[in-house]
Amino acid sequence: MPANNPAVAGVPSVRRRLMSMVYELLLGFAVLFLPFLVFEMVVKASHAEVVEHMRQALAFLVLGAYFIHQWTRKGQTLAMQTWRIRVAMADGATVTPRAATVRYLLCWLWVLPAAIVSWAFGLHQWHALIALLVGIVLWSLTAFLDRDRQFLHDRIAGTRLVALAKPARNVKASAA
């Protein structure tokens, strides 16, 4: 990361990144709304097993397209803009499509182990939710194992999250 870049304020705290992820969860529902609406109309809201798998694949692909596009375009999703976080390559360059794809796939490690544990042990409802929360807490702790406080998926993908400085206030606008 170029040290002389005034827009970069360092590494965002784990708390700030997790708060951004909560906001990202809400935005993810918005991103999925229209594709799911169309899908449900096409399949007539069927709950056949094959349709359930198609629904999961649709969510995976739509979210992947959204995140990969946003990360390669300007390094930020709307939630990341709100929390002044940007994803970049380890050297500060814009994220490549390959790195964004690898990062997206690795991000599923936040929830995949908990899903596997829930499936393997037949966990449902609150027990599955607790497994998910434990998995998220454990994955977030990987940032404390890294000297630069990056999550494991960022380290493997060759990307990093950087905190952006607050934009300078426009003195003329605030005086009016």
C-alpha atoms as a PDB file:
ATOM      1  CA  MET A   1       0.000   0.000   0.000  1.00  0.00           C
ATOM      2  CA  PRO A   2       1.550   3.321  -0.976  1.00  0.00           C
ATOM      3  CA  ALA A   3       2.463   5.142   2.207  1.00  0.00           C
ATOM      4  CA  ASN A   4       1.988   8.567   0.613  1.00  0.00           C
ATOM      5  CA  ASN A   5      -1.678   8.031  -0.260  1.00  0.00           C
ATOM      6  CA  PRO A   6      -3.607  10.534   1.904  1.00  0.00           C
ATOM      7  CA  ALA A   7      -6.905   8.725   1.349  1.00  0.00           C
ATOM      8  CA  VAL A   8      -5.654   5.591   3.131  1.00  0.00           C
ATOM      9  CA  ALA A   9      -5.860   5.753   6.913  1.00  0.00           C
ATOM     10  CA  GLY A  10      -4.528   2.262   7.705  1.00  0.00           C
ATOM     11  CA  VAL A  11      -6.243  -1.029   8.441  1.00  0.00           C
ATOM     12  CA  PRO A  12      -9.917  -0.983   9.476  1.00  0.00           C
ATOM     13  CA  SER A  13     -10.651  -2.482  12.869  1.00  0.00           C
ATOM     14  CA  VAL A  14     -12.227  -5.921  13.047  1.00  0.00           C
ATOM     15  CA  ARG A  15     -15.286  -4.335  14.668  1.00  0.00           C
ATOM     16  CA  ARG A  16     -15.641  -1.883  11.763  1.00  0.00           C
ATOM     17  CA  ARG A  17     -15.334  -4.696   9.227  1.00  0.00           C
ATOM     18  CA  LEU A  18     -17.959  -6.784  11.025  1.00  0.00           C
ATOM     19  CA  MET A  19     -20.348  -3.804  11.171  1.00  0.00           C
ATOM     20  CA  SER A  20     -19.854  -3.348   7.443  1.00  0.00           C
ATOM     21  CA  MET A  21     -20.680  -7.021   6.952  1.00  0.00           C
ATOM     22  CA  VAL A  22     -23.963  -6.631   8.840  1.00  0.00           C
ATOM     23  CA  TYR A  23     -24.910  -3.787   6.503  1.00  0.00           C
ATOM     24  CA  GLU A  24     -23.729  -5.922   3.564  1.00  0.00           C
ATOM     25  CA  LEU A  25     -26.126  -8.660   4.664  1.00  0.00           C
ATOM     26  CA  LEU A  26     -29.066  -6.267   4.375  1.00  0.00           C
ATOM     27  CA  LEU A  27     -27.881  -5.047   0.974  1.00  0.00           C
ATOM     28  CA  GLY A  28     -27.468  -8.656  -0.149  1.00  0.00           C
ATOM     29  CA  PHE A  29     -31.200  -9.199   0.327  1.00  0.00           C
ATOM     30  CA  ALA A  30     -31.863  -6.162  -1.857  1.00  0.00           C
ATOM     31  CA  VAL A  31     -29.527  -7.450  -4.566  1.00  0.00           C
ATOM     32  CA  LEU A  32     -31.302 -10.826  -4.534  1.00  0.00           C
ATOM     33  CA  PHE A  33     -34.848  -9.447  -4.523  1.00  0.00           C
ATOM     34  CA  LEU A  34     -35.470  -8.969  -8.263  1.00  0.00           C
ATOM     35  CA  PRO A  35     -33.707 -12.153  -9.470  1.00  0.00           C
ATOM     36  CA  PHE A  36     -35.619 -14.168  -6.853  1.00  0.00           C
ATOM     37  CA  LEU A  37     -38.910 -12.518  -7.759  1.00  0.00           C
ATOM     38  CA  VAL A  38     -38.464 -13.506 -11.398  1.00  0.00           C
ATOM     39  CA  PHE A  39     -37.252 -16.983 -10.432  1.00  0.00           C
ATOM     40  CA  GLU A  40     -40.248 -17.580  -8.143  1.00  0.00           C
ATOM     41  CA  MET A  41     -42.650 -16.519 -10.880  1.00  0.00           C
ATOM     42  CA  VAL A  42     -40.986 -18.869 -13.378  1.00  0.00           C
ATOM     43  CA  VAL A  43     -40.999 -21.908 -11.057  1.00  0.00           C
ATOM     44  CA  LYS A  44     -44.393 -20.989  -9.556  1.00  0.00           C
ATOM     45  CA  ALA A  45     -42.885 -20.915  -6.050  1.00  0.00           C
ATOM     46  CA  SER A  46     -42.231 -24.649  -6.127  1.00  0.00           C
ATOM     47  CA  HIS A  47     -40.451 -26.269  -3.218  1.00  0.00           C
ATOM     48  CA  ALA A  48     -39.269 -29.353  -5.065  1.00  0.00           C
ATOM     49  CA  GLU A  49     -35.771 -30.411  -4.066  1.00  0.00           C
ATOM     50  CA  VAL A  50     -34.247 -29.552  -7.443  1.00  0.00           C
ATOM     51  CA  VAL A  51     -35.829 -26.076  -7.300  1.00  0.00           C
ATOM     52  CA  GLU A  52     -34.376 -25.520  -3.826  1.00  0.00           C
ATOM     53  CA  HIS A  53     -30.905 -26.307  -5.216  1.00  0.00           C
ATOM     54  CA  MET A  54     -31.527 -23.984  -8.156  1.00  0.00           C
ATOM     55  CA  ARG A  55     -32.528 -21.250  -5.695  1.00  0.00           C
ATOM     56  CA  GLN A  56     -29.255 -21.696  -3.791  1.00  0.00           C
ATOM     57  CA  ALA A  57     -27.242 -21.654  -7.013  1.00  0.00           C
ATOM     58  CA  LEU A  58     -29.025 -18.480  -8.112  1.00  0.00           C
ATOM     59  CA  ALA A  59     -28.159 -16.742  -4.837  1.00  0.00           C
ATOM     60  CA  PHE A  60     -24.529 -17.873  -5.111  1.00  0.00           C
ATOM     61  CA  LEU A  61     -24.212 -16.618  -8.699  1.00  0.00           C
ATOM     62  CA  VAL A  62     -26.039 -13.307  -8.224  1.00  0.00           C
ATOM     63  CA  LEU A  63     -24.091 -12.438  -5.083  1.00  0.00           C
ATOM     64  CA  GLY A  64     -20.863 -13.477  -6.804  1.00  0.00           C
ATOM     65  CA  ALA A  65     -21.581 -11.217  -9.770  1.00  0.00           C
ATOM     66  CA  TYR A  66     -22.406  -8.319  -7.442  1.00  0.00           C
ATOM     67  CA  PHE A  67     -19.322  -8.610  -5.231  1.00  0.00           C
ATOM     68  CA  ILE A  68     -16.847  -9.378  -8.008  1.00  0.00           C
ATOM     69  CA  HIS A  69     -18.147  -6.453 -10.060  1.00  0.00           C
ATOM     70  CA  GLN A  70     -17.973  -4.009  -7.155  1.00  0.00           C
ATOM     71  CA  TRP A  71     -14.530  -5.112  -5.956  1.00  0.00           C
ATOM     72  CA  THR A  72     -12.992  -4.894  -9.437  1.00  0.00           C
ATOM     73  CA  ARG A  73     -14.736  -1.635 -10.333  1.00  0.00           C
ATOM     74  CA  LYS A  74     -13.648   0.600  -7.469  1.00  0.00           C
ATOM     75  CA  GLY A  75     -12.827  -1.754  -4.627  1.00  0.00           C
ATOM     76  CA  GLN A  76     -15.961  -1.047  -2.625  1.00  0.00           C
ATOM     77  CA  THR A  77     -19.540  -2.137  -2.229  1.00  0.00           C
ATOM     78  CA  LEU A  78     -22.103   0.311  -0.877  1.00  0.00           C
ATOM     79  CA  ALA A  79     -21.575  -0.996   2.665  1.00  0.00           C
ATOM     80  CA  MET A  80     -17.816  -0.619   2.310  1.00  0.00           C
ATOM     81  CA  GLN A  81     -18.288   2.968   1.099  1.00  0.00           C
ATOM     82  CA  THR A  82     -20.423   3.724   4.146  1.00  0.00           C
ATOM     83  CA  TRP A  83     -17.793   2.356   6.522  1.00  0.00           C
ATOM     84  CA  ARG A  84     -14.902   3.821   4.462  1.00  0.00           C
ATOM     85  CA  ILE A  85     -13.303   0.468   3.690  1.00  0.00           C
ATOM     86  CA  ARG A  86     -11.755  -0.537   0.379  1.00  0.00           C
ATOM     87  CA  VAL A  87     -10.427  -3.855  -0.851  1.00  0.00           C
ATOM     88  CA  ALA A  88      -7.213  -3.719  -2.859  1.00  0.00           C
ATOM     89  CA  MET A  89      -4.442  -5.991  -3.982  1.00  0.00           C
ATOM     90  CA  ALA A  90      -1.594  -6.394  -1.481  1.00  0.00           C
ATOM     91  CA  ASP A  91       0.410  -3.725  -3.357  1.00  0.00           C
ATOM     92  CA  GLY A  92      -2.519  -1.249  -3.348  1.00  0.00           C
ATOM     93  CA  ALA A  93      -3.589  -1.820  -6.950  1.00  0.00           C
ATOM     94  CA  THR A  94      -7.193  -2.339  -8.035  1.00  0.00           C
ATOM     95  CA  VAL A  95      -8.418  -5.884  -7.451  1.00  0.00           C
ATOM     96  CA  THR A  96      -8.146  -8.113 -10.513  1.00  0.00           C
ATOM     97  CA  PRO A  97     -11.130 -10.208 -11.613  1.00  0.00           C
ATOM     98  CA  ARG A  98      -9.227 -13.392 -10.727  1.00  0.00           C
ATOM     99  CA  ALA A  99      -8.377 -12.165  -7.218  1.00  0.00           C
ATOM    100  CA  ALA A 100     -11.959 -10.929  -6.709  1.00  0.00           C
ATOM    101  CA  THR A 101     -13.299 -14.344  -7.732  1.00  0.00           C
ATOM    102  CA  VAL A 102     -10.904 -16.161  -5.403  1.00  0.00           C
ATOM    103  CA  ARG A 103     -11.796 -13.740  -2.595  1.00  0.00           C
ATOM    104  CA  TYR A 104     -15.528 -14.296  -3.181  1.00  0.00           C
ATOM    105  CA  LEU A 105     -15.145 -18.081  -3.077  1.00  0.00           C
ATOM    106  CA  LEU A 106     -12.981 -17.913   0.050  1.00  0.00           C
ATOM    107  CA  CYS A 107     -15.467 -15.576   1.763  1.00  0.00           C
ATOM    108  CA  TRP A 108     -17.872 -18.498   1.905  1.00  0.00           C
ATOM    109  CA  LEU A 109     -15.574 -19.959   4.567  1.00  0.00           C
ATOM    110  CA  TRP A 110     -17.298 -17.590   6.998  1.00  0.00           C
ATOM    111  CA  VAL A 111     -20.418 -19.803   6.840  1.00  0.00           C
ATOM    112  CA  LEU A 112     -19.523 -23.048   5.037  1.00  0.00           C
ATOM    113  CA  PRO A 113     -17.924 -24.873   8.022  1.00  0.00           C
ATOM    114  CA  ALA A 114     -20.982 -24.069  10.176  1.00  0.00           C
ATOM    115  CA  ALA A 115     -23.306 -25.281   7.421  1.00  0.00           C
ATOM    116  CA  ILE A 116     -21.357 -28.539   7.171  1.00  0.00           C
ATOM    117  CA  VAL A 117     -21.404 -29.011  10.967  1.00  0.00           C
ATOM    118  CA  SER A 118     -25.150 -28.282  11.050  1.00  0.00           C
ATOM    119  CA  TRP A 119     -25.798 -30.778   8.251  1.00  0.00           C
ATOM    120  CA  ALA A 120     -23.483 -33.458   9.722  1.00  0.00           C
ATOM    121  CA  PHE A 121     -25.017 -33.270  13.201  1.00  0.00           C
ATOM    122  CA  GLY A 122     -28.578 -32.586  12.098  1.00  0.00           C
ATOM    123  CA  LEU A 123     -28.695 -29.182  13.765  1.00  0.00           C
ATOM    124  CA  HIS A 124     -31.787 -27.071  13.160  1.00  0.00           C
ATOM    125  CA  GLN A 125     -33.126 -23.656  14.118  1.00  0.00           C
ATOM    126  CA  TRP A 126     -31.344 -22.213  17.169  1.00  0.00           C
ATOM    127  CA  HIS A 127     -28.612 -24.843  17.229  1.00  0.00           C
ATOM    128  CA  ALA A 128     -27.763 -24.170  13.581  1.00  0.00           C
ATOM    129  CA  LEU A 129     -27.805 -20.428  14.230  1.00  0.00           C
ATOM    130  CA  ILE A 130     -25.444 -20.849  17.182  1.00  0.00           C
ATOM    131  CA  ALA A 131     -23.116 -22.955  14.996  1.00  0.00           C
ATOM    132  CA  LEU A 132     -23.184 -20.187  12.389  1.00  0.00           C
ATOM    133  CA  LEU A 133     -22.380 -17.491  14.970  1.00  0.00           C
ATOM    134  CA  VAL A 134     -19.533 -19.563  16.413  1.00  0.00           C
ATOM    135  CA  GLY A 135     -18.140 -20.048  12.905  1.00  0.00           C
ATOM    136  CA  ILE A 136     -18.289 -16.305  12.209  1.00  0.00           C
ATOM    137  CA  VAL A 137     -16.565 -15.472  15.508  1.00  0.00           C
ATOM    138  CA  LEU A 138     -13.846 -18.051  14.881  1.00  0.00           C
ATOM    139  CA  TRP A 139     -13.237 -16.818  11.322  1.00  0.00           C
ATOM    140  CA  SER A 140     -13.098 -13.195  12.469  1.00  0.00           C
ATOM    141  CA  LEU A 141     -10.394 -14.199  14.955  1.00  0.00           C
ATOM    142  CA  THR A 142      -8.135 -15.108  12.020  1.00  0.00           C
ATOM    143  CA  ALA A 143      -7.435 -11.370  11.702  1.00  0.00           C
ATOM    144  CA  PHE A 144      -5.612 -11.505  15.038  1.00  0.00           C
ATOM    145  CA  LEU A 145      -3.328 -14.236  13.717  1.00  0.00           C
ATOM    146  CA  ASP A 146      -2.122 -11.982  10.883  1.00  0.00           C
ATOM    147  CA  ARG A 147       0.526  -9.315  11.477  1.00  0.00           C
ATOM    148  CA  ASP A 148      -1.402  -6.859   9.235  1.00  0.00           C
ATOM    149  CA  ARG A 149      -4.774  -7.764  10.833  1.00  0.00           C
ATOM    150  CA  GLN A 150      -6.136  -9.115   7.544  1.00  0.00           C
ATOM    151  CA  PHE A 151      -8.662 -11.950   7.475  1.00  0.00           C
ATOM    152  CA  LEU A 152      -7.401 -15.319   6.276  1.00  0.00           C
ATOM    153  CA  HIS A 153      -9.397 -15.175   3.034  1.00  0.00           C
ATOM    154  CA  ASP A 154      -7.779 -11.843   2.135  1.00  0.00           C
ATOM    155  CA  ARG A 155      -4.310 -13.171   2.867  1.00  0.00           C
ATOM    156  CA  ILE A 156      -4.886 -16.245   0.670  1.00  0.00           C
ATOM    157  CA  ALA A 157      -6.486 -14.218  -2.165  1.00  0.00           C
ATOM    158  CA  GLY A 158      -3.638 -11.684  -2.136  1.00  0.00           C
ATOM    159  CA  THR A 159      -5.990  -8.849  -1.232  1.00  0.00           C
ATOM    160  CA  ARG A 160      -6.260  -6.578   1.760  1.00  0.00           C
ATOM    161  CA  LEU A 161      -8.801  -4.273   3.354  1.00  0.00           C
ATOM    162  CA  VAL A 162      -7.756  -0.690   3.942  1.00  0.00           C
ATOM    163  CA  ALA A 163      -9.456   2.038   5.933  1.00  0.00           C
ATOM    164  CA  LEU A 164     -10.072   5.245   4.047  1.00  0.00           C
ATOM    165  CA  ALA A 165      -9.626   8.629   5.681  1.00  0.00           C
ATOM    166  CA  LYS A 166     -12.666  10.797   6.287  1.00  0.00           C
ATOM    167  CA  PRO A 167     -13.244  13.102   3.333  1.00  0.00           C
ATOM    168  CA  ALA A 168     -12.290  16.716   3.901  1.00  0.00           C
ATOM    169  CA  ARG A 169     -15.262  18.854   4.852  1.00  0.00           C
ATOM    170  CA  ASN A 170     -16.259  21.522   2.394  1.00  0.00           C
ATOM    171  CA  VAL A 171     -15.877  24.725   4.432  1.00  0.00           C
ATOM    172  CA  LYS A 172     -18.006  26.801   2.026  1.00  0.00           C
ATOM    173  CA  ALA A 173     -20.925  24.343   2.167  1.00  0.00           C
ATOM    174  CA  SER A 174     -20.924  24.203   5.968  1.00  0.00           C
ATOM    175  CA  ALA A 175     -20.743  28.026   6.261  1.00  0.00           C
ATOM    176  CA  ALA A 176     -23.858  28.540   4.140  1.00  0.00           C
END
